[in-house]
C-alpha cells in the first residue's frame, strides 16, 4: 500500500504542475477567435508550436510539366540545345518552378555523342523527300513518335526550342483545360482566312478559334497533345503540298499548322506575352521566362542598333552554323539593352561550364 500511495501522490503532483503550467501559459496568450490574415499578427505564439503559413508545395503535388525540345544532330542545333539544357537544370528546382523532366527529341534517327549529357529520345526522320526541303516538318512527326513511345510521367508538356534560354523558373501557366502559349504578331489567322479554310472548315467554327501561336513555347496537357500531334503533322504536310498555303506561310507554315490542329481539337490557349522575349526588339527582361534569340543583334560601339546591317558588335546565332560560339564572347558596348547583355552573359556562363565545348 505504501508504494501505491507514493505513486498515486506523485501522479497527482505531476498533473497539478502540468495544469498550473498550462494556466500560466494560457494567461499570457490572448484568446483569438479570428483567422490568420492581414492585421492578425500571430508572432506572439510560441514559435515551437507555430505552424508555418507559407510552406512550399511538395513537388509531388505540383502540376509538373515535361520540357521537350526537338533538334537535329547538326552543329548549329546541338550547341544551342546544350546551352538550353544547361539553363533548364539551373532553374528546374527554383522557386515556383513546375519544371519536371526534360527530353531532347533527336529527329535524325540515330544516337549522337551527347546522349549521356542530355536525356534524349531518338526519333526517325520523315521518309526521304517528304519534307520537300523544309526540315521543320520533322518536328511534328518527331513529337508523334515520342508521345506514342516514351514513358512521360508528367501530365503537361512544354514544347520548347534549341534557341530558348530559360531566365527564371517556369510555373505551369496552363490551367482550366486551356494551353498556355506565346502570341506571335506575324501569325494572323484572320488575314489568311480563305487559305486556312482549306484546313479548318467553316463548320468547325469561326476563324478566331485559331490562336496566333506556334507550337513553341506552348504548355499543354499531355493527353490533349497526343490528339493534336498527329493532326499537326498531317496539316503541316498538307499545307506544304498546297502551293497557296506554302507561299502564304513560308517558314512559319508549321506554326500555322499547330495553331490549326489545336483549334481542330478544341484546345484554346491562354496567350502569355510574358512567356518569352525576343532581343533586340524586347529591351528588358522584366518578368519574362524565356529569351528567344532568333534575331541577330547588331550595334555600333556607341550602343546604337544597326539592325539589318552587320554591326561593329554583333551576336547572331546564324554566325555559328558550322562551328560553336567561342567561350567568353565579347560583351556588348555600353548602351546596349539589358536583354542582349543578359543573353550574352548567359551564353558565356553556359559555355564556360559545359564540358568539351567546341571539341
Protein backbone atom coordinates (compact mmCIF):
# COMPACT_ATOMS: atom_id res chain seq x y z
CA UNK A 1 0.00 0.00 0.00
CA UNK A 2 2.83 2.41 0.88
CA UNK A 3 4.29 2.13 -2.62
CA UNK A 4 0.86 2.56 -4.25
CA UNK A 5 0.14 5.68 -2.20
CA UNK A 6 3.53 7.13 -3.20
CA UNK A 7 2.90 6.56 -6.94
CA UNK A 8 -0.61 8.00 -6.68
CA UNK A 9 0.69 11.09 -4.86
CA UNK A 10 3.41 11.52 -7.50
CA UNK A 11 0.89 11.36 -10.37
CA UNK A 12 -1.37 13.90 -8.66
CA UNK A 13 1.57 16.24 -8.09
CA UNK A 14 2.70 15.97 -11.74
CA UNK A 15 -0.84 16.57 -13.05
CA UNK A 16 -1.29 19.66 -10.89
CA UNK A 17 2.04 21.02 -12.01
CA UNK A 18 1.13 20.45 -15.68
CA UNK A 19 -2.27 22.14 -15.29
CA UNK A 20 -0.64 25.07 -13.48
CA UNK A 21 1.89 25.45 -16.31
CA UNK A 22 -0.86 25.47 -18.94
CA UNK A 23 -2.86 28.04 -16.98
CA UNK A 24 0.17 30.32 -16.72
CA UNK A 25 0.94 29.95 -20.43
CA UNK A 26 -2.69 30.50 -21.42
CA UNK A 27 -2.91 33.62 -19.29
CA UNK A 28 -0.08 35.17 -21.29
CA UNK A 29 -1.51 34.33 -24.74
CA UNK A 30 -4.65 36.25 -25.76
CA UNK A 31 -7.57 34.12 -26.88
CA UNK A 32 -8.09 34.54 -30.65
CA UNK A 33 -11.34 33.79 -32.41
CA UNK A 34 -10.33 35.15 -35.83
CA UNK A 35 -8.38 33.56 -38.66
CA UNK A 36 -4.82 34.37 -39.66
CA UNK A 37 -4.70 37.13 -42.21
CA UNK A 38 -3.70 40.75 -42.78
CA UNK A 39 -3.62 42.55 -39.45
CA UNK A 40 -3.84 39.31 -37.47
CA UNK A 41 -0.29 39.01 -36.16
CA UNK A 42 0.48 35.58 -34.74
CA UNK A 43 4.05 36.41 -33.79
CA UNK A 44 3.28 36.17 -30.05
CA UNK A 45 2.53 32.44 -30.32
CA UNK A 46 5.23 30.10 -29.07
CA UNK A 47 7.41 29.55 -32.19
CA UNK A 48 7.92 25.90 -31.25
CA UNK A 49 4.27 25.09 -31.85
CA UNK A 50 3.52 27.67 -34.57
CA UNK A 51 2.62 26.04 -37.90
CA UNK A 52 4.36 27.58 -40.94
CA UNK A 53 1.88 29.51 -43.08
CA UNK A 54 3.82 29.55 -46.35
CA UNK A 55 5.24 26.09 -46.71
CA UNK A 56 6.37 25.18 -50.22
CA UNK A 57 4.03 22.84 -52.05
CA UNK A 58 5.62 19.37 -52.23
CA UNK A 59 6.95 18.63 -55.70
CA UNK A 60 4.69 15.57 -55.92
CA UNK A 61 1.61 17.80 -55.52
CA UNK A 62 2.55 20.37 -58.17
CA UNK A 63 1.29 20.39 -61.77
CA UNK A 64 4.61 19.44 -63.28
CA UNK A 65 5.29 19.70 -66.99
CA UNK A 66 7.87 17.87 -69.10
CA UNK A 67 10.07 20.05 -71.32
CA UNK A 68 10.62 18.67 -74.81
CA UNK A 69 12.96 20.14 -77.42
CA UNK A 70 13.21 18.83 -80.97
CA UNK A 71 16.62 19.02 -82.62
CA UNK A 72 18.76 17.56 -85.35
CA UNK A 73 22.36 16.46 -84.81
CA UNK A 74 23.74 19.48 -86.71
CA UNK A 75 26.44 21.57 -85.05
CA UNK A 76 24.02 24.51 -85.20
CA UNK A 77 21.19 22.77 -83.33
CA UNK A 78 23.46 20.94 -80.92
CA UNK A 79 25.33 23.87 -79.39
CA UNK A 80 22.03 25.70 -78.89
CA UNK A 81 20.28 22.82 -77.14
CA UNK A 82 23.31 22.20 -74.90
CA UNK A 83 23.08 25.80 -73.69
CA UNK A 84 19.32 25.48 -73.36
CA UNK A 85 19.62 22.34 -71.20
CA UNK A 86 22.30 23.96 -69.01
CA UNK A 87 19.87 26.74 -68.04
CA UNK A 88 16.97 24.30 -67.73
CA UNK A 89 18.90 22.49 -64.99
CA UNK A 90 19.82 25.76 -63.27
CA UNK A 91 16.15 26.73 -62.88
CA UNK A 92 14.45 23.33 -62.68
CA UNK A 93 14.12 23.33 -58.89
CA UNK A 94 13.89 27.07 -58.33
CA UNK A 95 11.09 28.96 -56.55
CA UNK A 96 7.61 28.46 -58.10
CA UNK A 97 9.02 26.03 -60.67
CA UNK A 98 6.75 23.36 -62.12
CA UNK A 99 9.55 22.13 -64.36
CA UNK A 100 9.65 18.34 -64.32
CA UNK A 101 11.72 16.21 -66.66
CA UNK A 102 13.45 17.09 -69.92
CA UNK A 103 13.83 15.35 -73.27
CA UNK A 104 15.79 16.28 -76.36
CA UNK A 105 13.87 14.68 -79.22
CA UNK A 106 16.62 13.95 -81.73
CA UNK A 107 14.95 13.53 -85.11
CA UNK A 108 17.85 12.36 -87.27
CA UNK A 109 17.21 8.68 -86.50
CA UNK A 110 20.45 7.76 -84.70
CA UNK A 111 22.18 8.46 -81.38
CA UNK A 112 24.93 11.06 -81.12
CA UNK A 113 27.74 11.70 -78.62
CA UNK A 114 25.58 13.86 -76.33
CA UNK A 115 23.19 11.10 -75.27
CA UNK A 116 24.77 10.99 -71.79
CA UNK A 117 24.74 14.76 -71.37
CA UNK A 118 21.07 15.30 -72.19
CA UNK A 119 18.10 12.93 -71.77
CA UNK A 120 17.40 12.04 -75.40
CA UNK A 121 14.75 10.23 -77.40
CA UNK A 122 15.83 9.23 -80.91
CA UNK A 123 13.03 9.74 -83.44
CA UNK A 124 13.07 8.74 -87.07
CA UNK A 125 13.01 11.49 -89.72
CA UNK A 126 10.34 11.64 -92.37
CA UNK A 127 10.96 9.43 -95.40
CA UNK A 128 13.37 10.96 -97.87
CA UNK A 129 11.86 13.79 -99.88
CA UNK A 130 8.67 14.09 -97.82
CA UNK A 131 9.82 17.27 -96.07
CA UNK A 132 10.35 18.88 -99.50
CA UNK A 133 13.45 20.64 -98.21
CA UNK A 134 11.56 22.12 -95.24
CA UNK A 135 13.30 20.27 -92.40
CA UNK A 136 10.98 21.71 -89.76
CA UNK A 137 8.32 19.22 -90.91
CA UNK A 138 10.27 16.62 -88.95
CA UNK A 139 9.21 18.34 -85.72
CA UNK A 140 5.56 17.25 -85.57
CA UNK A 141 6.45 13.76 -86.78
CA UNK A 142 9.09 13.52 -84.04
CA UNK A 143 6.54 14.56 -81.41
CA UNK A 144 4.09 11.92 -82.64
CA UNK A 145 6.74 9.21 -82.16
CA UNK A 146 7.83 10.47 -78.74
CA UNK A 147 4.27 10.75 -77.40
CA UNK A 148 3.48 7.24 -78.60
CA UNK A 149 6.63 5.50 -77.38
CA UNK A 150 8.05 7.35 -74.37
CA UNK A 151 7.05 6.96 -70.73
CA UNK A 152 6.23 10.57 -69.83
CA UNK A 153 5.43 10.89 -66.13
CA UNK A 154 4.18 14.48 -66.13
CA UNK A 155 0.62 15.44 -67.13
CA UNK A 156 1.71 18.51 -69.11
CA UNK A 157 4.24 19.20 -71.85
CA UNK A 158 6.26 22.35 -72.55
CA UNK A 159 7.29 22.40 -76.19
CA UNK A 160 10.47 24.44 -76.41
CA UNK A 161 13.24 25.03 -78.95
CA UNK A 162 17.04 24.90 -79.00
CA UNK A 163 17.38 28.70 -79.20
CA UNK A 164 15.48 29.23 -75.94
CA UNK A 165 17.33 30.27 -72.79
CA UNK A 166 15.32 29.99 -69.58
CA UNK A 167 15.90 33.08 -67.46
CA UNK A 168 13.85 32.13 -64.39
CA UNK A 169 11.89 29.13 -63.08
CA UNK A 170 8.73 28.48 -65.09
CA UNK A 171 5.44 27.67 -63.35
CA UNK A 172 2.69 25.74 -65.11
CA UNK A 173 0.92 28.55 -66.98
CA UNK A 174 -1.74 26.24 -68.42
CA UNK A 175 -4.99 25.92 -66.48
CA UNK A 176 -8.68 25.17 -66.78
CA UNK A 177 -8.24 22.84 -69.75
CA UNK A 178 -6.51 25.61 -71.70
CA UNK A 179 -2.98 25.56 -73.00
CA UNK A 180 -0.61 28.49 -72.46
CA UNK A 181 1.21 29.95 -75.45
CA UNK A 182 3.18 32.96 -76.62
CA UNK A 183 1.31 35.07 -79.20
CA UNK A 184 3.30 35.89 -82.35
CA UNK A 185 2.45 39.12 -84.15
CA UNK A 186 3.13 37.51 -87.53
CA UNK A 187 0.65 34.64 -87.07
CA UNK A 188 -2.52 36.22 -88.48
CA UNK A 189 -5.35 33.71 -88.99
CA UNK A 190 -7.89 36.37 -89.92
CA UNK A 191 -5.66 37.74 -92.67
CA UNK A 192 -5.31 34.27 -94.23
CA UNK A 193 -8.82 33.03 -93.57
CA UNK A 194 -9.52 31.95 -97.14
CA UNK A 195 -6.36 29.81 -97.19
CA UNK A 196 -6.87 28.38 -93.72
CA UNK A 197 -10.43 27.32 -94.51
CA UNK A 198 -8.95 24.51 -96.59
CA UNK A 199 -7.66 23.02 -93.34
CA UNK A 200 -10.16 24.37 -90.78
CA UNK A 201 -13.64 24.09 -92.25
CA UNK A 202 -16.49 26.56 -91.75
CA UNK A 203 -18.48 24.04 -89.73
CA UNK A 204 -15.63 23.70 -87.23
CA UNK A 205 -16.15 27.24 -86.01
CA UNK A 206 -15.04 30.86 -86.50
CA UNK A 207 -11.54 31.55 -87.73
CA UNK A 208 -10.88 33.28 -84.39
CA UNK A 209 -10.72 29.80 -82.84
CA UNK A 210 -7.25 29.59 -84.39
CA UNK A 211 -4.92 31.28 -81.94
CA UNK A 212 -1.98 33.43 -83.16
CA UNK A 213 0.58 30.92 -81.90
CA UNK A 214 3.09 28.34 -83.00
CA UNK A 215 3.90 25.11 -81.27
CA UNK A 216 6.55 26.74 -79.12
CA UNK A 217 6.60 27.91 -76.46
CA UNK A 218 3.40 26.12 -75.50
CA UNK A 219 2.42 24.33 -72.29
CA UNK A 220 -0.41 21.90 -72.94
CA UNK A 221 -1.93 18.82 -71.34
CA UNK A 222 -0.19 15.59 -72.37
CA UNK A 223 -3.42 13.84 -73.35
CA UNK A 224 -4.50 16.84 -75.42
CA UNK A 225 -1.14 16.92 -77.20
CA UNK A 226 -1.43 13.22 -78.02
CA UNK A 227 -4.54 14.13 -80.02
CA UNK A 228 -3.14 17.32 -81.51
CA UNK A 229 0.24 15.99 -82.67
CA UNK A 230 -0.95 13.63 -85.48
CA UNK A 231 -3.27 16.34 -86.82
CA UNK A 232 -0.43 18.87 -86.59
CA UNK A 233 1.76 16.54 -88.65
CA UNK A 234 -0.90 15.88 -91.29
CA UNK A 235 -1.89 19.54 -91.62
CA UNK A 236 1.78 20.53 -91.93
CA UNK A 237 2.29 18.07 -94.78
CA UNK A 238 -0.96 19.11 -96.47
CA UNK A 239 -0.04 22.80 -96.24
CA UNK A 240 3.39 22.15 -97.70
CA UNK A 241 1.80 20.35 -100.67
CA UNK A 242 -0.67 23.19 -101.22
CA UNK A 243 1.01 25.93 -103.34
CA UNK A 244 -1.21 28.69 -101.95
CA UNK A 245 -0.57 27.78 -98.31
CA UNK A 246 3.13 27.15 -98.91
CA UNK A 247 3.53 30.59 -100.48
CA UNK A 248 1.42 32.37 -97.86
CA UNK A 249 3.00 30.83 -94.76
CA UNK A 250 6.60 30.20 -95.84
CA UNK A 251 8.97 29.48 -92.96
CA UNK A 252 6.17 29.70 -90.37
CA UNK A 253 3.98 27.09 -92.13
CA UNK A 254 4.44 24.50 -89.38
CA UNK A 255 3.46 27.13 -86.77
CA UNK A 256 0.16 27.77 -88.56
CA UNK A 257 -0.36 24.03 -88.77
CA UNK A 258 -0.05 23.64 -85.00
CA UNK A 259 -2.49 26.51 -84.38
CA UNK A 260 -4.98 24.87 -86.75
CA UNK A 261 -4.55 21.44 -85.14
CA UNK A 262 -5.04 22.87 -81.66
CA UNK A 263 -8.26 24.59 -82.74
CA UNK A 264 -9.45 21.45 -84.52
CA UNK A 265 -9.28 19.54 -81.23
CA UNK A 266 -10.93 22.33 -79.25
CA UNK A 267 -7.82 23.25 -77.27
CA UNK A 268 -7.75 27.01 -76.80
CA UNK A 269 -4.76 28.80 -75.31
CA UNK A 270 -4.09 31.47 -72.73
CA UNK A 271 -1.96 33.99 -74.62
CA UNK A 272 1.01 34.93 -72.43
CA UNK A 273 3.18 37.77 -73.69
CA UNK A 274 5.33 37.28 -70.59
CA UNK A 275 6.21 33.76 -71.69
CA UNK A 276 9.10 34.93 -73.86
CA UNK A 277 11.12 37.92 -75.01
CA UNK A 278 12.97 38.33 -78.29
CA UNK A 279 16.02 40.59 -78.40
CA UNK A 280 16.87 43.03 -79.82
CA UNK A 281 13.22 44.14 -80.05
CA UNK A 282 12.38 43.41 -76.42
CA UNK A 283 14.72 45.57 -74.39
CA UNK A 284 14.20 44.40 -70.80
CA UNK A 285 13.93 41.00 -69.13
CA UNK A 286 11.18 42.09 -66.73
CA UNK A 287 9.08 39.13 -65.61
CA UNK A 288 9.65 37.07 -68.76
CA UNK A 289 10.59 33.40 -68.56
CA UNK A 290 12.47 32.66 -71.80
CA UNK A 291 14.86 34.51 -74.09
CA UNK A 292 14.35 33.51 -77.72
CA UNK A 293 17.42 34.61 -79.69
CA UNK A 294 16.10 34.13 -83.19
CA UNK A 295 17.01 37.63 -84.41
CA UNK A 296 20.51 38.98 -84.96
CA UNK A 297 21.74 41.64 -82.54
CA UNK A 298 23.89 44.29 -84.24
CA UNK A 299 25.19 47.52 -82.66
CA UNK A 300 27.81 50.17 -83.20
CA UNK A 301 30.30 50.93 -80.44
CA UNK A 302 28.03 53.65 -79.07
CA UNK A 303 25.39 51.02 -78.34
CA UNK A 304 23.09 52.06 -81.19
CA UNK A 305 21.25 49.30 -83.05
CA UNK A 306 22.22 48.76 -86.68
CA UNK A 307 19.63 46.02 -87.27
CA UNK A 308 19.74 44.83 -90.88
CA UNK A 309 23.37 45.85 -91.17
CA UNK A 310 26.29 43.99 -89.62
CA UNK A 311 27.34 46.00 -86.59
CA UNK A 312 30.73 46.70 -85.06
CA UNK A 313 29.49 44.40 -82.29
CA UNK A 314 27.14 41.57 -83.06
CA UNK A 315 25.67 38.33 -81.82
CA UNK A 316 23.71 36.28 -84.32
CA UNK A 317 23.19 32.54 -83.93
CA UNK A 318 23.49 32.21 -87.71
CA UNK A 319 27.15 33.18 -87.44
CA UNK A 320 27.69 29.75 -85.91
CA UNK A 321 26.06 27.27 -88.28
CA UNK A 322 29.13 25.07 -88.77
CA UNK A 323 31.04 25.83 -85.58
CA UNK A 324 30.20 26.59 -81.97
CA UNK A 325 30.43 30.09 -80.50
CA UNK A 326 33.76 30.60 -78.74
CA UNK A 327 33.89 30.73 -74.99
CA UNK A 328 33.94 34.18 -73.41
CA UNK A 329 32.16 36.13 -76.15
CA UNK A 330 32.97 39.84 -76.10
CA UNK A 331 30.36 41.71 -74.11
CA UNK A 332 28.33 44.37 -75.96
CA UNK A 333 29.29 48.05 -75.64
CA UNK A 334 27.63 50.36 -73.10
CA UNK A 335 24.10 51.37 -74.02
CA UNK A 336 23.04 48.01 -75.45
CA UNK A 337 19.70 46.81 -73.97
CA UNK A 338 19.54 44.60 -70.89
CA UNK A 339 18.03 41.75 -72.90
CA UNK A 340 21.07 41.46 -75.18
CA UNK A 341 23.57 41.87 -72.33
CA UNK A 342 21.81 39.16 -70.32
CA UNK A 343 21.73 36.81 -73.29
CA UNK A 344 25.49 37.09 -73.88
CA UNK A 345 26.24 36.65 -70.17
CA UNK A 346 24.11 33.50 -70.10
CA UNK A 347 25.72 32.06 -73.21
CA UNK A 348 29.16 32.75 -71.71
CA UNK A 349 28.29 31.11 -68.40
CA UNK A 350 26.98 28.01 -70.12
CA UNK A 351 29.92 27.60 -72.49
CA UNK A 352 32.38 28.14 -69.62
CA UNK A 353 30.84 25.24 -67.70
CA UNK A 354 29.87 22.77 -70.41
CA UNK A 355 32.48 20.03 -70.89
CA UNK A 356 34.39 19.59 -74.14
CA UNK A 357 33.00 22.79 -75.62
CA UNK A 358 34.00 23.02 -79.25
CA UNK A 359 35.59 19.61 -79.41
